[in-house]
Amino acid sequence: MKEKMKKSNFNEDIVKLAQKNDYFRRVLLTTELSQLVVMSIQPGEDIGEETHDGIDQILSIVSGAGAAMIEGVTSPVKAGSVVVVPAGTRHNFVNTGKEPLKLYTVYAPPDHKDDTVHRTKADALTDPNEQHEE
């Protein structure tokens, strides 16, 4: 995944890209109205409770097992699960399994700086470009 993704005509196997990704967060593509990101959440870790004002988010789990917490309601997620998080909704995702929880997510409009890469959650937490309500 060292190659840079093209900004137009993106046509890739997103499941393979998500499964190969070992970084906490990697922005693959940013357009004017949306953003495609892959994530890998380690066992016992979470994304971090947050709210995206004015940004919808759709998350698709490709491998692993976890829990989605949406406005205080917890539901299990696994490969094949898709969760839609409307703008302004408090949410978190936790890896409850023994393997990394791999997923891809679409933000509309974009949420992260283009080409963002966070190797770990700690990197994301110390990135000055990441400012979500917690």
Protein backbone atom coordinates (compact mmCIF):
# COMPACT_ATOMS: atom_id res chain seq x y z
CA MET A 1 0.00 0.00 0.00
CA LYS A 2 2.92 2.34 -0.54
CA GLU A 3 1.64 3.57 -3.88
CA LYS A 4 -0.41 6.75 -3.88
CA MET A 5 -4.05 6.28 -4.86
CA LYS A 6 -5.22 8.23 -7.89
CA LYS A 7 -7.66 11.05 -7.16
CA SER A 8 -9.95 10.11 -10.04
CA ASN A 9 -11.26 6.87 -11.47
CA PHE A 10 -10.62 5.01 -8.22
CA ASN A 11 -11.33 1.36 -8.94
CA GLU A 12 -9.64 -0.90 -6.40
CA ASP A 13 -10.53 -3.98 -4.36
CA ILE A 14 -11.37 -2.10 -1.17
CA VAL A 15 -11.73 -5.29 0.87
CA LYS A 16 -8.16 -6.33 -0.04
CA LEU A 17 -6.85 -2.84 0.69
CA ALA A 18 -8.56 -2.85 4.10
CA GLN A 19 -7.32 -6.35 4.93
CA LYS A 20 -3.72 -5.45 4.00
CA ASN A 21 -3.79 -2.23 6.01
CA ASP A 22 -2.02 -2.42 9.39
CA TYR A 23 -2.27 1.28 10.23
CA PHE A 24 -4.83 2.70 12.64
CA ARG A 25 -5.98 5.11 9.93
CA ARG A 26 -5.00 5.68 6.32
CA VAL A 27 -6.82 8.07 4.00
CA LEU A 28 -6.96 6.49 0.54
CA LEU A 29 -8.96 9.04 -1.39
CA THR A 30 -10.36 12.50 -0.79
CA THR A 31 -12.77 14.25 -3.14
CA GLU A 32 -14.62 17.50 -2.71
CA LEU A 33 -17.64 15.74 -1.18
CA SER A 34 -16.36 12.48 0.33
CA GLN A 35 -13.41 10.58 1.71
CA LEU A 36 -12.41 6.90 1.73
CA VAL A 37 -10.38 5.63 4.70
CA VAL A 38 -9.12 2.21 5.85
CA MET A 39 -8.59 1.42 9.52
CA SER A 40 -7.10 -1.37 11.63
CA ILE A 41 -8.15 -1.46 15.28
CA GLN A 42 -6.02 -3.68 17.50
CA PRO A 43 -7.58 -6.16 19.98
CA GLY A 44 -8.92 -4.31 23.01
CA GLU A 45 -8.58 -0.90 21.34
CA ASP A 46 -11.29 1.42 20.11
CA ILE A 47 -11.65 4.21 17.59
CA GLY A 48 -12.48 6.64 20.38
CA GLU A 49 -15.88 8.06 21.21
CA GLU A 50 -16.58 10.99 18.93
CA THR A 51 -19.17 13.06 17.13
CA HIS A 52 -18.79 14.42 13.59
CA ASP A 53 -20.85 17.57 13.23
CA GLY A 54 -22.01 17.96 9.64
CA ILE A 55 -20.36 14.72 8.49
CA ASP A 56 -22.07 11.42 7.78
CA GLN A 57 -19.99 8.25 8.16
CA ILE A 58 -20.53 4.75 6.79
CA LEU A 59 -18.33 1.96 8.18
CA SER A 60 -17.95 -1.48 6.60
CA ILE A 61 -16.26 -4.26 8.58
CA VAL A 62 -14.11 -6.60 6.46
CA SER A 63 -12.57 -8.81 9.17
CA GLY A 64 -12.50 -9.23 12.92
CA ALA A 65 -15.15 -8.79 15.58
CA GLY A 66 -16.19 -5.80 17.60
CA ALA A 67 -18.91 -3.64 19.04
CA ALA A 68 -20.51 -0.50 17.68
CA MET A 69 -21.69 2.00 20.29
CA ILE A 70 -24.16 4.42 18.73
CA GLU A 71 -25.76 6.97 21.08
CA GLY A 72 -25.25 4.58 24.00
CA VAL A 73 -26.64 1.48 22.27
CA THR A 74 -24.11 -1.34 21.76
CA SER A 75 -24.42 -3.79 18.87
CA PRO A 76 -22.01 -6.50 17.69
CA VAL A 77 -20.19 -6.06 14.37
CA LYS A 78 -18.28 -8.58 12.26
CA ALA A 79 -17.13 -9.09 8.68
CA GLY A 80 -19.96 -7.98 6.42
CA SER A 81 -21.46 -5.52 8.92
CA VAL A 82 -22.22 -2.01 7.70
CA VAL A 83 -23.02 0.78 10.15
CA VAL A 84 -24.34 4.19 9.12
CA VAL A 85 -23.55 7.03 11.53
CA PRO A 86 -25.50 10.20 10.68
CA ALA A 87 -23.88 13.58 11.31
CA GLY A 88 -24.04 14.64 14.95
CA THR A 89 -24.33 11.08 16.31
CA ARG A 90 -22.05 10.11 19.21
CA HIS A 91 -20.32 6.83 18.36
CA ASN A 92 -17.42 4.50 19.05
CA PHE A 93 -16.21 1.15 17.71
CA VAL A 94 -14.31 -1.34 19.89
CA ASN A 95 -12.35 -4.41 18.84
CA THR A 96 -13.68 -7.21 21.09
CA GLY A 97 -11.87 -9.99 19.21
CA LYS A 98 -8.40 -11.51 19.19
CA GLU A 99 -7.43 -10.28 15.72
CA PRO A 100 -7.30 -6.73 14.33
CA LEU A 101 -10.69 -5.27 13.40
CA LYS A 102 -10.26 -4.21 9.76
CA LEU A 103 -12.68 -1.82 8.12
CA TYR A 104 -13.15 0.85 5.54
CA THR A 105 -15.18 3.96 6.06
CA VAL A 106 -16.61 6.73 3.93
CA TYR A 107 -17.05 10.26 5.27
CA ALA A 108 -19.27 12.77 3.51
CA PRO A 109 -18.00 15.44 3.38
CA PRO A 110 -14.32 14.62 4.12
CA ASP A 111 -13.25 14.52 7.76
CA HIS A 112 -9.46 14.14 7.69
CA LYS A 113 -6.65 15.99 6.00
CA ASP A 114 -5.92 14.48 2.58
CA ASP A 115 -3.26 11.73 2.67
CA THR A 116 -3.48 11.37 6.48
CA VAL A 117 -1.70 8.29 7.84
CA HIS A 118 -1.80 7.40 11.54
CA ARG A 119 0.25 4.30 12.26
CA THR A 120 -1.28 4.01 15.73
CA LYS A 121 -4.18 5.43 17.71
CA ALA A 122 -1.62 7.39 19.74
CA ASP A 123 -0.48 9.07 16.51
CA ALA A 124 -4.09 10.06 15.79
CA LEU A 125 -4.59 11.45 19.29
CA THR A 126 -1.52 13.69 19.00
CA ASP A 127 -2.22 14.90 15.45
CA PRO A 128 -3.16 18.61 15.63
CA ASN A 129 -5.32 18.14 12.51
CA GLU A 130 -7.63 15.78 14.43
CA GLN A 131 -10.07 17.82 16.52
CA HIS A 132 -13.26 15.95 17.34
CA GLU A 133 -15.60 16.50 20.23
CA GLU A 134 -14.86 13.80 22.81
